[in-house]
Amino acid sequence: MLRDCIEDKEVIGSAIFTLIWKVIYSSLLQTTLFNIIREFEVRNEKNLIVLKKMYLELENSEKFISKFMEINGMKFNLVLMFSFRVKFGMGNLYLRDVLRKIERLI
């Protein structure tokens, strides 16, 4: 399902991580994947707060939205990467659609 969302609605990558940032699935480029994991790990190490959702925007205006999920006792983080054309509001709506599809599958 996550593969299908690539190129649809300007999604250019997706990933699912465990709560300790081990990769379950990723279509992100390896360098992008490592940078995103590093960013999340830094935030976790600093014990800022427990993140439910995080928004990141790169210098080239590509955007990442991450959401903590728990479905039927399974806990994980879903990350979607959007092209520079997508605003955070639209990306958030699309993330919600993907979450609903995942919930229906489980």
PDB file of N, CA and C in Angstrom:
ATOM      1  N   MET A   1       0.816  -1.191   0.000  1.00  0.00           N
ATOM      2  CA  MET A   1       0.000   0.000   0.000  1.00  0.00           C
ATOM      3  C   MET A   1       0.866   1.262   0.000  1.00  0.00           C
ATOM      4  N   LEU A   2       1.956   1.252   0.791  1.00  0.00           N
ATOM      5  CA  LEU A   2       2.824   2.431   0.825  1.00  0.00           C
ATOM      6  C   LEU A   2       3.526   2.639  -0.507  1.00  0.00           C
ATOM      7  N   ARG A   3       3.842   1.549  -1.194  1.00  0.00           N
ATOM      8  CA  ARG A   3       4.440   1.697  -2.523  1.00  0.00           C
ATOM      9  C   ARG A   3       3.477   2.393  -3.473  1.00  0.00           C
ATOM     10  N   ASP A   4       2.197   2.104  -3.333  1.00  0.00           N
ATOM     11  CA  ASP A   4       1.190   2.703  -4.215  1.00  0.00           C
ATOM     12  C   ASP A   4       1.042   4.200  -3.999  1.00  0.00           C
ATOM     13  N   CYS A   5       1.348   4.677  -2.806  1.00  0.00           N
ATOM     14  CA  CYS A   5       1.160   6.102  -2.544  1.00  0.00           C
ATOM     15  C   CYS A   5       2.295   6.945  -3.124  1.00  0.00           C
ATOM     16  N   ILE A   6       3.415   6.297  -3.510  1.00  0.00           N
ATOM     17  CA  ILE A   6       4.515   7.028  -4.133  1.00  0.00           C
ATOM     18  C   ILE A   6       4.038   7.559  -5.484  1.00  0.00           C
ATOM     19  N   GLU A   7       4.374   8.779  -5.758  1.00  0.00           N
ATOM     20  CA  GLU A   7       3.996   9.490  -6.971  1.00  0.00           C
ATOM     21  C   GLU A   7       2.517   9.865  -6.998  1.00  0.00           C
ATOM     22  N   ASP A   8       1.772   9.426  -5.995  1.00  0.00           N
ATOM     23  CA  ASP A   8       0.375   9.812  -5.896  1.00  0.00           C
ATOM     24  C   ASP A   8       0.311  10.968  -4.905  1.00  0.00           C
ATOM     25  N   LYS A   9      -0.303  12.044  -5.302  1.00  0.00           N
ATOM     26  CA  LYS A   9      -0.447  13.218  -4.435  1.00  0.00           C
ATOM     27  C   LYS A   9       0.901  13.774  -3.985  1.00  0.00           C
ATOM     28  N   GLU A  10       1.897  13.652  -4.850  1.00  0.00           N
ATOM     29  CA  GLU A  10       3.206  14.237  -4.595  1.00  0.00           C
ATOM     30  C   GLU A  10       3.974  13.590  -3.444  1.00  0.00           C
ATOM     31  N   VAL A  11       3.634  12.358  -3.090  1.00  0.00           N
ATOM     32  CA  VAL A  11       4.411  11.623  -2.097  1.00  0.00           C
ATOM     33  C   VAL A  11       5.627  11.060  -2.816  1.00  0.00           C
ATOM     34  N   ILE A  12       6.818  11.368  -2.313  1.00  0.00           N
ATOM     35  CA  ILE A  12       8.014  10.886  -2.989  1.00  0.00           C
ATOM     36  C   ILE A  12       8.790   9.859  -2.168  1.00  0.00           C
ATOM     37  N   GLY A  13       8.255   9.500  -1.024  1.00  0.00           N
ATOM     38  CA  GLY A  13       8.870   8.461  -0.223  1.00  0.00           C
ATOM     39  C   GLY A  13       8.067   8.180   1.027  1.00  0.00           C
ATOM     40  N   SER A  14       8.272   6.991   1.582  1.00  0.00           N
ATOM     41  CA  SER A  14       7.570   6.626   2.815  1.00  0.00           C
ATOM     42  C   SER A  14       8.422   5.629   3.590  1.00  0.00           C
ATOM     43  N   ALA A  15       8.140   5.536   4.870  1.00  0.00           N
ATOM     44  CA  ALA A  15       8.867   4.591   5.713  1.00  0.00           C
ATOM     45  C   ALA A  15       8.038   4.272   6.948  1.00  0.00           C
ATOM     46  N   ILE A  16       8.291   3.086   7.492  1.00  0.00           N
ATOM     47  CA  ILE A  16       7.701   2.683   8.767  1.00  0.00           C
ATOM     48  C   ILE A  16       8.860   2.243   9.653  1.00  0.00           C
ATOM     49  N   PHE A  17       8.867   2.764  10.889  1.00  0.00           N
ATOM     50  CA  PHE A  17       9.918   2.474  11.851  1.00  0.00           C
ATOM     51  C   PHE A  17       9.314   1.929  13.135  1.00  0.00           C
ATOM     52  N   THR A  18      10.123   1.139  13.858  1.00  0.00           N
ATOM     53  CA  THR A  18       9.736   0.759  15.208  1.00  0.00           C
ATOM     54  C   THR A  18       9.921   1.985  16.091  1.00  0.00           C
ATOM     55  N   LEU A  19       9.560   1.872  17.345  1.00  0.00           N
ATOM     56  CA  LEU A  19       9.699   2.996  18.271  1.00  0.00           C
ATOM     57  C   LEU A  19      11.155   3.337  18.569  1.00  0.00           C
ATOM     58  N   ILE A  20      12.066   2.410  18.296  1.00  0.00           N
ATOM     59  CA  ILE A  20      13.490   2.693  18.495  1.00  0.00           C
ATOM     60  C   ILE A  20      14.175   2.924  17.138  1.00  0.00           C
ATOM     61  N   TRP A  21      13.411   3.288  16.152  1.00  0.00           N
ATOM     62  CA  TRP A  21      13.879   3.711  14.826  1.00  0.00           C
ATOM     63  C   TRP A  21      14.580   2.626  14.022  1.00  0.00           C
ATOM     64  N   LYS A  22      14.168   1.388  14.218  1.00  0.00           N
ATOM     65  CA  LYS A  22      14.605   0.316  13.325  1.00  0.00           C
ATOM     66  C   LYS A  22      13.642   0.314  12.138  1.00  0.00           C
ATOM     67  N   VAL A  23      14.188   0.143  10.958  1.00  0.00           N
ATOM     68  CA  VAL A  23      13.402   0.239   9.733  1.00  0.00           C
ATOM     69  C   VAL A  23      12.606  -1.039   9.506  1.00  0.00           C
ATOM     70  N   ILE A  24      11.291  -0.875   9.336  1.00  0.00           N
ATOM     71  CA  ILE A  24      10.424  -1.981   8.948  1.00  0.00           C
ATOM     72  C   ILE A  24      10.263  -1.953   7.429  1.00  0.00           C
ATOM     73  N   TYR A  25      10.052  -0.778   6.882  1.00  0.00           N
ATOM     74  CA  TYR A  25       9.903  -0.591   5.439  1.00  0.00           C
ATOM     75  C   TYR A  25      10.363   0.819   5.091  1.00  0.00           C
ATOM     76  N   SER A  26      11.003   0.970   3.928  1.00  0.00           N
ATOM     77  CA  SER A  26      11.377   2.301   3.475  1.00  0.00           C
ATOM     78  C   SER A  26      11.530   2.331   1.959  1.00  0.00           C
ATOM     79  N   SER A  27      11.001   3.382   1.363  1.00  0.00           N
ATOM     80  CA  SER A  27      11.239   3.652  -0.049  1.00  0.00           C
ATOM     81  C   SER A  27      12.088   4.917  -0.197  1.00  0.00           C
ATOM     82  N   LEU A  28      12.610   5.421   0.929  1.00  0.00           N
ATOM     83  CA  LEU A  28      13.436   6.625   0.918  1.00  0.00           C
ATOM     84  C   LEU A  28      14.844   6.283   0.431  1.00  0.00           C
ATOM     85  N   LEU A  29      15.491   7.244  -0.207  1.00  0.00           N
ATOM     86  CA  LEU A  29      16.892   7.064  -0.564  1.00  0.00           C
ATOM     87  C   LEU A  29      17.692   6.805   0.700  1.00  0.00           C
ATOM     88  N   GLN A  30      18.755   6.027   0.591  1.00  0.00           N
ATOM     89  CA  GLN A  30      19.507   5.634   1.770  1.00  0.00           C
ATOM     90  C   GLN A  30      20.043   6.834   2.549  1.00  0.00           C
ATOM     91  N   THR A  31      20.570   7.829   1.865  1.00  0.00           N
ATOM     92  CA  THR A  31      21.095   9.001   2.581  1.00  0.00           C
ATOM     93  C   THR A  31      19.979   9.759   3.283  1.00  0.00           C
ATOM     94  N   THR A  32      18.843   9.891   2.626  1.00  0.00           N
ATOM     95  CA  THR A  32      17.687  10.552   3.239  1.00  0.00           C
ATOM     96  C   THR A  32      17.209   9.761   4.442  1.00  0.00           C
ATOM     97  N   LEU A  33      17.137   8.463   4.297  1.00  0.00           N
ATOM     98  CA  LEU A  33      16.706   7.593   5.392  1.00  0.00           C
ATOM     99  C   LEU A  33      17.618   7.758   6.611  1.00  0.00           C
ATOM    100  N   PHE A  34      18.922   7.724   6.402  1.00  0.00           N
ATOM    101  CA  PHE A  34      19.861   7.876   7.518  1.00  0.00           C
ATOM    102  C   PHE A  34      19.732   9.248   8.173  1.00  0.00           C
ATOM    103  N   ASN A  35      19.562  10.291   7.377  1.00  0.00           N
ATOM    104  CA  ASN A  35      19.410  11.638   7.937  1.00  0.00           C
ATOM    105  C   ASN A  35      18.140  11.767   8.771  1.00  0.00           C
ATOM    106  N   ILE A  36      17.057  11.189   8.294  1.00  0.00           N
ATOM    107  CA  ILE A  36      15.787  11.244   9.033  1.00  0.00           C
ATOM    108  C   ILE A  36      15.909  10.468  10.341  1.00  0.00           C
ATOM    109  N   ILE A  37      16.477   9.266  10.283  1.00  0.00           N
ATOM    110  CA  ILE A  37      16.654   8.474  11.506  1.00  0.00           C
ATOM    111  C   ILE A  37      17.511   9.246  12.505  1.00  0.00           C
ATOM    112  N   ARG A  38      18.570   9.849  12.014  1.00  0.00           N
ATOM    113  CA  ARG A  38      19.461  10.618  12.890  1.00  0.00           C
ATOM    114  C   ARG A  38      18.723  11.788  13.553  1.00  0.00           C
ATOM    115  N   GLU A  39      17.891  12.470  12.779  1.00  0.00           N
ATOM    116  CA  GLU A  39      17.118  13.591  13.331  1.00  0.00           C
ATOM    117  C   GLU A  39      16.192  13.115  14.448  1.00  0.00           C
ATOM    118  N   PHE A  40      15.499  12.007  14.225  1.00  0.00           N
ATOM    119  CA  PHE A  40      14.603  11.480  15.243  1.00  0.00           C
ATOM    120  C   PHE A  40      15.385  11.007  16.468  1.00  0.00           C
ATOM    121  N   GLU A  41      16.520  10.344  16.240  1.00  0.00           N
ATOM    122  CA  GLU A  41      17.319   9.867  17.365  1.00  0.00           C
ATOM    123  C   GLU A  41      17.821  11.021  18.223  1.00  0.00           C
ATOM    124  N   VAL A  42      18.254  12.105  17.587  1.00  0.00           N
ATOM    125  CA  VAL A  42      18.725  13.281  18.325  1.00  0.00           C
ATOM    126  C   VAL A  42      17.604  13.828  19.199  1.00  0.00           C
ATOM    127  N   ARG A  43      16.417  13.912  18.643  1.00  0.00           N
ATOM    128  CA  ARG A  43      15.283  14.416  19.423  1.00  0.00           C
ATOM    129  C   ARG A  43      14.961  13.481  20.586  1.00  0.00           C
ATOM    130  N   ASN A  44      15.043  12.179  20.370  1.00  0.00           N
ATOM    131  CA  ASN A  44      14.778  11.221  21.446  1.00  0.00           C
ATOM    132  C   ASN A  44      15.857  11.275  22.517  1.00  0.00           C
ATOM    133  N   GLU A  45      17.126  11.407  22.107  1.00  0.00           N
ATOM    134  CA  GLU A  45      18.228  11.453  23.070  1.00  0.00           C
ATOM    135  C   GLU A  45      18.112  12.657  23.992  1.00  0.00           C
ATOM    136  N   LYS A  46      17.642  13.735  23.481  1.00  0.00           N
ATOM    137  CA  LYS A  46      17.528  14.951  24.285  1.00  0.00           C
ATOM    138  C   LYS A  46      16.303  14.924  25.180  1.00  0.00           C
ATOM    139  N   ASN A  47      15.502  13.872  25.068  1.00  0.00           N
ATOM    140  CA  ASN A  47      14.295  13.726  25.869  1.00  0.00           C
ATOM    141  C   ASN A  47      13.443  14.988  25.829  1.00  0.00           C
ATOM    142  N   LEU A  48      13.279  15.531  24.617  1.00  0.00           N
ATOM    143  CA  LEU A  48      12.504  16.766  24.485  1.00  0.00           C
ATOM    144  C   LEU A  48      11.086  16.550  25.003  1.00  0.00           C
ATOM    145  N   ILE A  49      10.404  15.681  24.371  1.00  0.00           N
ATOM    146  CA  ILE A  49       9.073  15.249  24.791  1.00  0.00           C
ATOM    147  C   ILE A  49       8.775  13.996  23.984  1.00  0.00           C
ATOM    148  N   VAL A  50       7.742  13.295  24.353  1.00  0.00           N
ATOM    149  CA  VAL A  50       7.326  12.155  23.554  1.00  0.00           C
ATOM    150  C   VAL A  50       6.606  12.718  22.325  1.00  0.00           C
ATOM    151  N   LEU A  51       7.163  12.417  21.173  1.00  0.00           N
ATOM    152  CA  LEU A  51       6.607  12.974  19.939  1.00  0.00           C
ATOM    153  C   LEU A  51       5.465  12.117  19.421  1.00  0.00           C
ATOM    154  N   LYS A  52       4.346  12.740  19.164  1.00  0.00           N
ATOM    155  CA  LYS A  52       3.242  12.053  18.506  1.00  0.00           C
ATOM    156  C   LYS A  52       3.280  12.315  17.012  1.00  0.00           C
ATOM    157  N   LYS A  53       3.704  13.535  16.656  1.00  0.00           N
ATOM    158  CA  LYS A  53       3.769  13.918  15.256  1.00  0.00           C
ATOM    159  C   LYS A  53       4.893  14.920  15.103  1.00  0.00           C
ATOM    160  N   MET A  54       5.586  14.817  13.970  1.00  0.00           N
ATOM    161  CA  MET A  54       6.667  15.760  13.726  1.00  0.00           C
ATOM    162  C   MET A  54       6.648  16.195  12.266  1.00  0.00           C
ATOM    163  N   TYR A  55       6.934  17.471  12.067  1.00  0.00           N
ATOM    164  CA  TYR A  55       7.008  18.054  10.735  1.00  0.00           C
ATOM    165  C   TYR A  55       8.422  18.561  10.497  1.00  0.00           C
ATOM    166  N   LEU A  56       9.016  18.192   9.361  1.00  0.00           N
ATOM    167  CA  LEU A  56      10.343  18.676   8.990  1.00  0.00           C
ATOM    168  C   LEU A  56      10.279  19.224   7.574  1.00  0.00           C
ATOM    169  N   GLU A  57      10.969  20.321   7.343  1.00  0.00           N
ATOM    170  CA  GLU A  57      11.081  20.862   5.991  1.00  0.00           C
ATOM    171  C   GLU A  57      12.554  21.037   5.673  1.00  0.00           C
ATOM    172  N   LEU A  58      12.977  20.491   4.542  1.00  0.00           N
ATOM    173  CA  LEU A  58      14.364  20.574   4.121  1.00  0.00           C
ATOM    174  C   LEU A  58      14.634  21.890   3.412  1.00  0.00           C
ATOM    175  N   GLU A  59      15.880  22.167   3.205  1.00  0.00           N
ATOM    176  CA  GLU A  59      16.283  23.402   2.539  1.00  0.00           C
ATOM    177  C   GLU A  59      15.686  23.502   1.126  1.00  0.00           C
ATOM    178  N   ASN A  60      15.504  22.346   0.464  1.00  0.00           N
ATOM    179  CA  ASN A  60      14.918  22.345  -0.884  1.00  0.00           C
ATOM    180  C   ASN A  60      13.389  22.320  -0.852  1.00  0.00           C
ATOM    181  N   SER A  61      12.807  22.528   0.307  1.00  0.00           N
ATOM    182  CA  SER A  61      11.360  22.600   0.555  1.00  0.00           C
ATOM    183  C   SER A  61      10.640  21.255   0.503  1.00  0.00           C
ATOM    184  N   GLU A  62      11.368  20.138   0.391  1.00  0.00           N
ATOM    185  CA  GLU A  62      10.712  18.844   0.548  1.00  0.00           C
ATOM    186  C   GLU A  62      10.330  18.725   2.019  1.00  0.00           C
ATOM    187  N   LYS A  63       9.240  18.018   2.267  1.00  0.00           N
ATOM    188  CA  LYS A  63       8.694  17.964   3.622  1.00  0.00           C
ATOM    189  C   LYS A  63       8.524  16.528   4.095  1.00  0.00           C
ATOM    190  N   PHE A  64       8.660  16.353   5.401  1.00  0.00           N
ATOM    191  CA  PHE A  64       8.440  15.065   6.046  1.00  0.00           C
ATOM    192  C   PHE A  64       7.395  15.256   7.131  1.00  0.00           C
ATOM    193  N   ILE A  65       6.478  14.312   7.190  1.00  0.00           N
ATOM    194  CA  ILE A  65       5.523  14.275   8.292  1.00  0.00           C
ATOM    195  C   ILE A  65       5.634  12.890   8.915  1.00  0.00           C
ATOM    196  N   SER A  66       5.838  12.861  10.223  1.00  0.00           N
ATOM    197  CA  SER A  66       5.958  11.611  10.951  1.00  0.00           C
ATOM    198  C   SER A  66       4.839  11.532  11.976  1.00  0.00           C
ATOM    199  N   LYS A  67       4.245  10.364  12.105  1.00  0.00           N
ATOM    200  CA  LYS A  67       3.172  10.185  13.079  1.00  0.00           C
ATOM    201  C   LYS A  67       3.367   8.868  13.800  1.00  0.00           C
ATOM    202  N   PHE A  68       3.315   8.946  15.137  1.00  0.00           N
ATOM    203  CA  PHE A  68       3.332   7.752  15.977  1.00  0.00           C
ATOM    204  C   PHE A  68       1.967   7.092  15.875  1.00  0.00           C
ATOM    205  N   MET A  69       1.954   5.773  15.733  1.00  0.00           N
ATOM    206  CA  MET A  69       0.691   5.048  15.594  1.00  0.00           C
ATOM    207  C   MET A  69       0.666   3.837  16.517  1.00  0.00           C
ATOM    208  N   GLU A  70      -0.511   3.519  16.960  1.00  0.00           N
ATOM    209  CA  GLU A  70      -0.733   2.265  17.669  1.00  0.00           C
ATOM    210  C   GLU A  70      -2.027   1.681  17.147  1.00  0.00           C
ATOM    211  N   ILE A  71      -1.907   0.511  16.548  1.00  0.00           N
ATOM    212  CA  ILE A  71      -3.077  -0.168  16.000  1.00  0.00           C
ATOM    213  C   ILE A  71      -3.036  -1.609  16.496  1.00  0.00           C
ATOM    214  N   ASN A  72      -4.093  -2.013  17.181  1.00  0.00           N
ATOM    215  CA  ASN A  72      -4.191  -3.370  17.726  1.00  0.00           C
ATOM    216  C   ASN A  72      -2.950  -3.761  18.522  1.00  0.00           C
ATOM    217  N   GLY A  73      -2.449  -2.851  19.334  1.00  0.00           N
ATOM    218  CA  GLY A  73      -1.298  -3.131  20.184  1.00  0.00           C
ATOM    219  C   GLY A  73       0.052  -3.004  19.498  1.00  0.00           C
ATOM    220  N   MET A  74       0.062  -2.802  18.190  1.00  0.00           N
ATOM    221  CA  MET A  74       1.321  -2.614  17.458  1.00  0.00           C
ATOM    222  C   MET A  74       1.662  -1.129  17.435  1.00  0.00           C
ATOM    223  N   LYS A  75       2.894  -0.793  17.849  1.00  0.00           N
ATOM    224  CA  LYS A  75       3.315   0.603  17.890  1.00  0.00           C
ATOM    225  C   LYS A  75       4.400   0.828  16.843  1.00  0.00           C
ATOM    226  N   PHE A  76       4.259   1.903  16.083  1.00  0.00           N
ATOM    227  CA  PHE A  76       5.243   2.221  15.061  1.00  0.00           C
ATOM    228  C   PHE A  76       5.113   3.676  14.643  1.00  0.00           C
ATOM    229  N   ASN A  77       6.090   4.122  13.868  1.00  0.00           N
ATOM    230  CA  ASN A  77       6.088   5.477  13.321  1.00  0.00           C
ATOM    231  C   ASN A  77       5.971   5.401  11.812  1.00  0.00           C
ATOM    232  N   LEU A  78       5.077   6.179  11.260  1.00  0.00           N
ATOM    233  CA  LEU A  78       4.902   6.280   9.814  1.00  0.00           C
ATOM    234  C   LEU A  78       5.469   7.618   9.376  1.00  0.00           C
ATOM    235  N   VAL A  79       6.295   7.601   8.338  1.00  0.00           N
ATOM    236  CA  VAL A  79       6.888   8.823   7.801  1.00  0.00           C
ATOM    237  C   VAL A  79       6.556   8.906   6.320  1.00  0.00           C
ATOM    238  N   LEU A  80       6.030  10.049   5.902  1.00  0.00           N
ATOM    239  CA  LEU A  80       5.809  10.317   4.483  1.00  0.00           C
ATOM    240  C   LEU A  80       6.657  11.507   4.077  1.00  0.00           C
ATOM    241  N   MET A  81       7.248  11.427   2.893  1.00  0.00           N
ATOM    242  CA  MET A  81       8.054  12.515   2.341  1.00  0.00           C
ATOM    243  C   MET A  81       7.303  13.096   1.156  1.00  0.00           C
ATOM    244  N   PHE A  82       7.156  14.421   1.159  1.00  0.00           N
ATOM    245  CA  PHE A  82       6.389  15.107   0.128  1.00  0.00           C
ATOM    246  C   PHE A  82       7.270  16.016  -0.708  1.00  0.00           C
ATOM    247  N   SER A  83       6.863  16.241  -1.948  1.00  0.00           N
ATOM    248  CA  SER A  83       7.606  17.139  -2.823  1.00  0.00           C
ATOM    249  C   SER A  83       7.460  18.578  -2.334  1.00  0.00           C
ATOM    250  N   PHE A  84       8.258  19.443  -2.875  1.00  0.00           N
ATOM    251  CA  PHE A  84       8.251  20.858  -2.480  1.00  0.00           C
ATOM    252  C   PHE A  84       6.915  21.535  -2.788  1.00  0.00           C
ATOM    253  N   ARG A  85       6.123  20.967  -3.680  1.00  0.00           N
ATOM    254  CA  ARG A  85       4.845  21.576  -4.067  1.00  0.00           C
ATOM    255  C   ARG A  85       3.749  21.397  -3.016  1.00  0.00           C
ATOM    256  N   VAL A  86       3.916  20.431  -2.137  1.00  0.00           N
ATOM    257  CA  VAL A  86       2.879  20.097  -1.160  1.00  0.00           C
ATOM    258  C   VAL A  86       3.051  20.949   0.094  1.00  0.00           C
ATOM    259  N   LYS A  87       1.969  21.540   0.541  1.00  0.00           N
ATOM    260  CA  LYS A  87       1.949  22.293   1.801  1.00  0.00           C
ATOM    261  C   LYS A  87       1.711  21.300   2.941  1.00  0.00           C
ATOM    262  N   PHE A  88       2.140  21.673   4.140  1.00  0.00           N
ATOM    263  CA  PHE A  88       1.983  20.773   5.281  1.00  0.00           C
ATOM    264  C   PHE A  88       0.520  20.392   5.519  1.00  0.00           C
ATOM    265  N   GLY A  89      -0.396  21.304   5.325  1.00  0.00           N
ATOM    266  CA  GLY A  89      -1.810  21.003   5.541  1.00  0.00           C
ATOM    267  C   GLY A  89      -2.306  19.889   4.631  1.00  0.00           C
ATOM    268  N   MET A  90      -1.945  19.954   3.360  1.00  0.00           N
ATOM    269  CA  MET A  90      -2.347  18.907   2.417  1.00  0.00           C
ATOM    270  C   MET A  90      -1.630  17.591   2.738  1.00  0.00           C
ATOM    271  N   GLY A  91      -0.364  17.689   3.103  1.00  0.00           N
ATOM    272  CA  GLY A  91       0.381  16.489   3.480  1.00  0.00           C
ATOM    273  C   GLY A  91      -0.236  15.807   4.687  1.00  0.00           C
ATOM    274  N   ASN A  92      -0.677  16.599   5.647  1.00  0.00           N
ATOM    275  CA  ASN A  92      -1.322  16.063   6.833  1.00  0.00           C
ATOM    276  C   ASN A  92      -2.621  15.341   6.483  1.00  0.00           C
ATOM    277  N   LEU A  93      -3.399  15.908   5.569  1.00  0.00           N
ATOM    278  CA  LEU A  93      -4.636  15.247   5.130  1.00  0.00           C
ATOM    279  C   LEU A  93      -4.327  13.924   4.440  1.00  0.00           C
ATOM    280  N   TYR A  94      -3.304  13.932   3.611  1.00  0.00           N
ATOM    281  CA  TYR A  94      -2.941  12.700   2.918  1.00  0.00           C
ATOM    282  C   TYR A  94      -2.435  11.651   3.908  1.00  0.00           C
ATOM    283  N   LEU A  95      -1.667  12.067   4.894  1.00  0.00           N
ATOM    284  CA  LEU A  95      -1.202  11.146   5.929  1.00  0.00           C
ATOM    285  C   LEU A  95      -2.391  10.502   6.636  1.00  0.00           C
ATOM    286  N   ARG A  96      -3.393  11.294   6.937  1.00  0.00           N
ATOM    287  CA  ARG A  96      -4.602  10.771   7.585  1.00  0.00           C
ATOM    288  C   ARG A  96      -5.281   9.707   6.720  1.00  0.00           C
ATOM    289  N   ASP A  97      -5.327   9.949   5.402  1.00  0.00           N
ATOM    290  CA  ASP A  97      -5.907   8.963   4.481  1.00  0.00           C
ATOM    291  C   ASP A  97      -5.120   7.653   4.500  1.00  0.00           C
ATOM    292  N   VAL A  98      -3.798   7.754   4.497  1.00  0.00           N
ATOM    293  CA  VAL A  98      -2.947   6.566   4.531  1.00  0.00           C
ATOM    294  C   VAL A  98      -3.164   5.806   5.844  1.00  0.00           C
ATOM    295  N   LEU A  99      -3.277   6.531   6.955  1.00  0.00           N
ATOM    296  CA  LEU A  99      -3.508   5.894   8.257  1.00  0.00           C
ATOM    297  C   LEU A  99      -4.825   5.127   8.267  1.00  0.00           C
ATOM    298  N   ARG A 100      -5.844   5.711   7.693  1.00  0.00           N
ATOM    299  CA  ARG A 100      -7.144   5.016   7.626  1.00  0.00           C
ATOM    300  C   ARG A 100      -7.039   3.736   6.817  1.00  0.00           C
ATOM    301  N   LYS A 101      -6.302   3.780   5.710  1.00  0.00           N
ATOM    302  CA  LYS A 101      -6.115   2.570   4.882  1.00  0.00           C
ATOM    303  C   LYS A 101      -5.374   1.495   5.656  1.00  0.00           C
ATOM    304  N   ILE A 102      -4.357   1.896   6.402  1.00  0.00           N
ATOM    305  CA  ILE A 102      -3.600   0.934   7.212  1.00  0.00           C
ATOM    306  C   ILE A 102      -4.500   0.313   8.272  1.00  0.00           C
ATOM    307  N   GLU A 103      -5.307   1.136   8.933  1.00  0.00           N
ATOM    308  CA  GLU A 103      -6.212   0.620   9.973  1.00  0.00           C
ATOM    309  C   GLU A 103      -7.206  -0.377   9.395  1.00  0.00           C
ATOM    310  N   ARG A 104      -7.676  -0.126   8.182  1.00  0.00           N
ATOM    311  CA  ARG A 104      -8.615  -1.062   7.554  1.00  0.00           C
ATOM    312  C   ARG A 104      -7.947  -2.383   7.213  1.00  0.00           C
ATOM    313  N   LEU A 105      -6.665  -2.349   6.888  1.00  0.00           N
ATOM    314  CA  LEU A 105      -5.940  -3.579   6.550  1.00  0.00           C
ATOM    315  C   LEU A 105      -5.689  -4.463   7.757  1.00  0.00           C
ATOM    316  N   ILE A 106      -5.524  -3.813   8.917  1.00  0.00           N
ATOM    317  CA  ILE A 106      -5.160  -4.580  10.123  1.00  0.00           C
ATOM    318  C   ILE A 106      -6.362  -5.082  10.819  1.00  0.00           C
TER     319      ILE A 106
END
